[in-house]
Amino acid sequence: MLETGKLAWHDMDAPAKQRVVRHYASKIKYLALRLKAKLPRHVELGDIISSGTLGLMEALGKFNPELGIKFDTYAENRIKGAMLDELRRMDWFSRGLRHRVKLLEDHAKRFEYTHGRRPTEEELAQDTGLSEKDVRHGLEALQNQFCLDLDAIQDTFSSENRAHTENEPYHSTALQEVIDKVAGLIEELTPRERMVMSLYYGDELTMREVAEVMEVTEGRVSQLHSQAMTRLRSLFRKRYGQDFTM
C-alpha cells in the first residue's frame, strides 16, 4: 500500500501502523547486529536498534512513491543512515580519532617499509608519542574503519542530506560508480587478501570464522584485512586521485 500510494503512513490507523513496525523489527535487528559485529564492544546494541527504529519512522513519514523506488529499499537506507548518524553522535569515530588513525597508519607503513614487518604497539607508541592505550584504541578503530566505510559506500548515500530525497537517484548512480571502481581493484590484492575480503564482506563471516576457514589465527586475519584496506586505499588514490570514503 505504501508503494502504490493508496494509503500513506499518516492515513493508517494505530493497529495498521503497529503491524508495519513489527514487520520491520526483525530487519532493524538484523542490520543492527551486522553493524555491531564491526564495532567496539562498548557500543550498545540497544542504542543501534533504537536509532534504526527512528530511521524507520522517518522513512514511513517521508516516503514518496512517486520517486519510483521500493519502500523496502528506501527504508533500509534510512535505517542504516540513522544508525551511522547515531555512531557519529556518540563520537565513536570523531575527527580526533580519525587523525590518530591516520597518524598510526602512516607510521606503520613507514615502519613496515623500513623493517619489513608490522610494528608492535610499543614501537608505534614510541614512534608516534602516543600512549599504548591510545595506540590500541587507534588500531582497533583502524581495523573497523574500513568496515564502516564499506557500509557507508554500499548502504547509505549522503545521510547528512537525507532531507533532499529528490536527489537520491543521482546519489545512487554516483555511489554505484564508486562501488564498481572499488570492486575493480579487488583483483589487484594478493590471493589471501582477496579471500579475507570475500569471506568477511561477501559471506559476512566474523574475523574468528574467517580464521577458522583459512586455518590461521584471528590476528593474522586482522593483519590481512588491514593490509587489504591499505592497499585498496592506495590503489584507489593512485588510479582516481581521491579517497573512496564517504
Protein backbone atom coordinates (compact mmCIF):
# COMPACT_ATOMS: atom_id res chain seq x y z
CA MET A 1 0.00 0.00 0.00
CA LEU A 2 2.85 2.37 0.77
CA GLU A 3 4.49 1.81 -2.62
CA THR A 4 1.25 2.27 -4.55
CA GLY A 5 0.45 5.46 -2.73
CA LYS A 6 -3.05 4.20 -1.98
CA LEU A 7 -2.52 4.57 1.74
CA ALA A 8 0.04 6.90 3.30
CA TRP A 9 1.56 6.35 6.73
CA HIS A 10 -0.27 9.28 8.28
CA ASP A 11 -3.57 7.87 7.00
CA MET A 12 -3.15 4.48 8.70
CA ASP A 13 -4.89 3.64 11.95
CA ALA A 14 -2.89 2.62 15.03
CA PRO A 15 -3.20 -1.18 14.54
CA ALA A 16 -2.03 -0.89 10.92
CA LYS A 17 0.97 1.21 11.96
CA GLN A 18 1.88 -1.33 14.65
CA ARG A 19 1.77 -4.15 12.09
CA VAL A 20 4.14 -2.25 9.80
CA VAL A 21 6.61 -1.52 12.61
CA ARG A 22 6.52 -5.15 13.80
CA HIS A 23 7.11 -6.30 10.23
CA TYR A 24 10.36 -4.31 10.04
CA ALA A 25 11.54 -5.03 13.60
CA SER A 26 13.46 -8.14 12.55
CA LYS A 27 15.09 -6.24 9.68
CA ILE A 28 16.23 -3.49 12.07
CA LYS A 29 17.67 -6.06 14.48
CA TYR A 30 19.49 -7.87 11.67
CA LEU A 31 21.05 -4.64 10.39
CA ALA A 32 21.99 -3.61 13.93
CA LEU A 33 23.65 -6.95 14.65
CA ARG A 34 25.54 -6.78 11.37
CA LEU A 35 26.86 -3.32 12.23
CA LYS A 36 27.53 -4.18 15.88
CA ALA A 37 29.82 -7.03 14.82
CA LYS A 38 32.12 -4.45 13.26
CA LEU A 39 32.22 -2.08 16.22
CA PRO A 40 33.99 -1.99 19.59
CA ARG A 41 32.31 -3.93 22.39
CA HIS A 42 31.34 -0.81 24.32
CA VAL A 43 28.84 0.23 21.63
CA GLU A 44 25.43 -0.96 22.86
CA LEU A 45 23.24 -2.98 20.50
CA GLY A 46 20.13 -1.38 22.00
CA ASP A 47 21.32 2.09 21.01
CA ILE A 48 21.82 0.98 17.42
CA ILE A 49 18.38 -0.68 17.29
CA SER A 50 16.72 2.41 18.76
CA SER A 51 18.32 4.68 16.18
CA GLY A 52 17.34 2.26 13.42
CA THR A 53 13.74 2.34 14.62
CA LEU A 54 13.78 6.12 14.44
CA GLY A 55 15.13 5.80 10.89
CA LEU A 56 12.21 3.55 10.00
CA MET A 57 9.72 6.03 11.43
CA GLU A 58 11.34 8.79 9.40
CA ALA A 59 11.15 6.66 6.27
CA LEU A 60 7.48 5.90 6.88
CA GLY A 61 6.69 9.57 7.31
CA LYS A 62 8.66 10.84 4.32
CA PHE A 63 8.32 8.07 1.74
CA ASN A 64 7.07 9.28 -1.62
CA PRO A 65 6.02 6.52 -4.09
CA GLU A 66 6.48 8.96 -6.97
CA LEU A 67 10.26 8.63 -6.51
CA GLY A 68 9.98 5.30 -8.29
CA ILE A 69 11.86 3.22 -5.70
CA LYS A 70 10.63 0.39 -3.49
CA PHE A 71 9.76 1.25 0.08
CA ASP A 72 11.92 -1.61 1.37
CA THR A 73 14.96 -0.11 -0.37
CA TYR A 74 14.14 3.40 0.82
CA ALA A 75 13.51 2.24 4.39
CA GLU A 76 16.70 0.19 4.59
CA ASN A 77 18.79 3.17 3.51
CA ARG A 78 17.09 5.40 6.08
CA ILE A 79 17.54 2.80 8.83
CA LYS A 80 21.24 2.39 8.12
CA GLY A 81 21.71 6.12 7.76
CA ALA A 82 20.13 6.67 11.17
CA MET A 83 22.38 4.05 12.73
CA LEU A 84 25.50 5.68 11.32
CA ASP A 85 24.26 9.10 12.42
CA GLU A 86 23.94 7.72 15.95
CA LEU A 87 27.53 6.48 15.83
CA ARG A 88 28.64 9.94 14.76
CA ARG A 89 26.60 11.50 17.56
CA MET A 90 28.25 9.13 20.04
CA ASP A 91 31.58 10.44 18.70
CA TRP A 92 32.66 6.86 18.02
CA PHE A 93 34.72 7.95 15.03
CA SER A 94 35.46 11.55 15.86
CA ARG A 95 37.77 13.88 13.98
CA GLY A 96 40.40 13.41 16.69
CA LEU A 97 40.25 9.64 16.36
CA ARG A 98 40.40 9.88 12.59
CA HIS A 99 43.58 11.96 12.96
CA ARG A 100 45.06 9.37 15.32
CA VAL A 101 44.19 6.53 12.93
CA LYS A 102 45.82 8.39 10.03
CA LEU A 103 48.93 9.01 12.15
CA LEU A 104 49.20 5.34 13.10
CA GLU A 105 48.56 4.18 9.55
CA ASP A 106 51.29 6.46 8.16
CA HIS A 107 53.86 5.46 10.80
CA ALA A 108 53.01 1.76 10.44
CA LYS A 109 53.53 1.91 6.67
CA ARG A 110 56.88 3.69 7.06
CA PHE A 111 58.00 1.21 9.71
CA GLU A 112 56.98 -1.77 7.56
CA TYR A 113 58.81 -0.32 4.56
CA THR A 114 61.99 0.17 6.61
CA HIS A 115 61.95 -3.00 8.71
CA GLY A 116 59.97 -5.40 6.52
CA ARG A 117 57.39 -6.15 9.21
CA ARG A 118 54.48 -4.56 11.02
CA PRO A 119 55.42 -2.62 14.17
CA THR A 120 54.31 -3.67 17.64
CA GLU A 121 52.04 -1.47 19.74
CA GLU A 122 55.03 -0.47 21.88
CA GLU A 123 57.04 0.51 18.80
CA LEU A 124 54.14 2.57 17.44
CA ALA A 125 53.78 4.30 20.80
CA GLN A 126 57.48 5.20 20.81
CA ASP A 127 57.36 6.33 17.18
CA THR A 128 54.22 8.47 17.44
CA GLY A 129 54.45 9.72 21.02
CA LEU A 130 51.00 8.29 21.78
CA SER A 131 50.29 6.20 24.85
CA GLU A 132 49.98 2.45 24.34
CA LYS A 133 46.31 2.75 25.30
CA ASP A 134 45.74 5.34 22.57
CA VAL A 135 47.64 3.14 20.12
CA ARG A 136 45.41 0.16 20.96
CA HIS A 137 42.26 2.23 20.52
CA GLY A 138 43.58 3.66 17.28
CA LEU A 139 44.47 0.23 15.88
CA GLU A 140 41.03 -1.06 16.81
CA ALA A 141 39.50 1.90 15.02
CA LEU A 142 41.78 1.31 12.03
CA GLN A 143 40.51 -2.24 11.77
CA ASN A 144 36.90 -1.11 11.99
CA GLN A 145 37.25 1.98 9.79
CA PHE A 146 37.12 0.04 6.53
CA CYS A 147 34.00 -1.80 7.69
CA LEU A 148 32.22 1.47 8.34
CA ASP A 149 33.42 2.94 5.08
CA LEU A 150 32.10 -0.04 3.13
CA ASP A 151 28.78 0.17 4.89
CA ALA A 152 28.62 3.86 4.06
CA ILE A 153 29.53 3.19 0.43
CA GLN A 154 27.17 0.27 -0.06
CA ASP A 155 24.26 1.10 2.19
CA THR A 156 23.94 4.86 2.65
CA PHE A 157 24.29 7.88 0.45
CA SER A 158 24.50 11.41 1.74
CA SER A 159 22.85 10.72 5.08
CA GLU A 160 23.58 14.32 6.02
CA ASN A 161 21.42 15.45 3.09
CA ARG A 162 18.66 12.97 3.63
CA ALA A 163 16.01 15.72 3.53
CA HIS A 164 16.78 16.19 -0.16
CA THR A 165 15.16 12.96 -1.25
CA GLU A 166 14.58 14.22 -4.76
CA ASN A 167 18.33 13.91 -5.38
CA GLU A 168 18.55 10.23 -4.37
CA PRO A 169 18.58 8.76 -7.91
CA TYR A 170 21.64 10.92 -8.68
CA HIS A 171 23.44 9.94 -5.48
CA SER A 172 22.59 6.28 -6.06
CA THR A 173 24.15 6.39 -9.52
CA ALA A 174 27.29 8.13 -8.25
CA LEU A 175 27.51 5.68 -5.37
CA GLN A 176 27.29 2.69 -7.69
CA GLU A 177 30.12 4.14 -9.75
CA VAL A 178 32.35 4.27 -6.65
CA ILE A 179 31.39 0.71 -5.69
CA ASP A 180 32.24 -0.52 -9.19
CA LYS A 181 35.63 1.21 -9.05
CA VAL A 182 36.49 -0.36 -5.69
CA ALA A 183 35.31 -3.79 -6.88
CA GLY A 184 37.57 -3.47 -9.91
CA LEU A 185 40.59 -3.11 -7.63
CA ILE A 186 39.93 -6.28 -5.64
CA GLU A 187 41.73 -8.40 -8.24
CA GLU A 188 44.94 -6.49 -7.52
CA LEU A 189 45.04 -7.78 -3.95
CA THR A 190 47.03 -10.88 -3.03
CA PRO A 191 45.11 -14.20 -3.09
CA ARG A 192 44.91 -14.37 0.70
CA GLU A 193 43.81 -10.75 0.97
CA ARG A 194 41.08 -11.44 -1.59
CA MET A 195 39.98 -14.47 0.39
CA VAL A 196 39.68 -12.43 3.57
CA MET A 197 37.66 -9.76 1.76
CA SER A 198 35.41 -12.35 0.15
CA LEU A 199 34.71 -14.26 3.35
CA TYR A 200 34.35 -11.17 5.54
CA TYR A 201 32.27 -8.96 3.26
CA GLY A 202 30.80 -11.38 0.73
CA ASP A 203 29.92 -14.25 3.07
CA GLU A 204 29.64 -11.94 6.10
CA LEU A 205 31.70 -14.18 8.37
CA THR A 206 33.23 -12.83 11.56
CA MET A 207 37.00 -12.45 11.90
CA ARG A 208 37.05 -15.59 14.04
CA GLU A 209 35.07 -17.57 11.47
CA VAL A 210 37.35 -16.37 8.67
CA ALA A 211 40.34 -17.53 10.73
CA GLU A 212 38.80 -20.98 11.12
CA VAL A 213 38.12 -21.29 7.39
CA MET A 214 41.64 -20.18 6.47
CA GLU A 215 43.23 -22.16 9.33
CA VAL A 216 45.16 -19.17 10.63
CA THR A 217 44.95 -17.07 13.78
CA GLU A 218 42.38 -14.31 14.17
CA GLY A 219 45.28 -11.89 14.47
CA ARG A 220 46.58 -12.96 11.09
CA VAL A 221 43.15 -12.38 9.55
CA SER A 222 43.09 -8.91 11.09
CA GLN A 223 46.55 -8.23 9.64
CA LEU A 224 45.50 -9.39 6.16
CA HIS A 225 42.36 -7.27 6.41
CA SER A 226 44.42 -4.22 7.37
CA GLN A 227 46.85 -4.84 4.52
CA ALA A 228 43.98 -5.17 2.04
CA MET A 229 42.42 -1.96 3.33
CA THR A 230 45.68 -0.04 2.97
CA ARG A 231 46.35 -1.47 -0.48
CA LEU A 232 42.84 -0.66 -1.75
CA ARG A 233 43.04 2.91 -0.50
CA SER A 234 46.44 3.38 -2.10
CA LEU A 235 45.33 1.86 -5.41
CA PHE A 236 42.17 3.97 -5.45
CA ARG A 237 44.10 7.18 -4.78
CA LYS A 238 46.67 6.39 -7.47
CA ARG A 239 44.07 5.47 -10.08
CA TYR A 240 41.34 8.02 -9.36
CA GLY A 241 43.13 10.77 -7.43
CA GLN A 242 40.78 10.63 -4.44
CA ASP A 243 39.75 8.55 -1.44
CA PHE A 244 36.69 6.35 -1.55
CA THR A 245 35.45 7.17 1.97
CA MET A 246 32.10 8.93 2.26
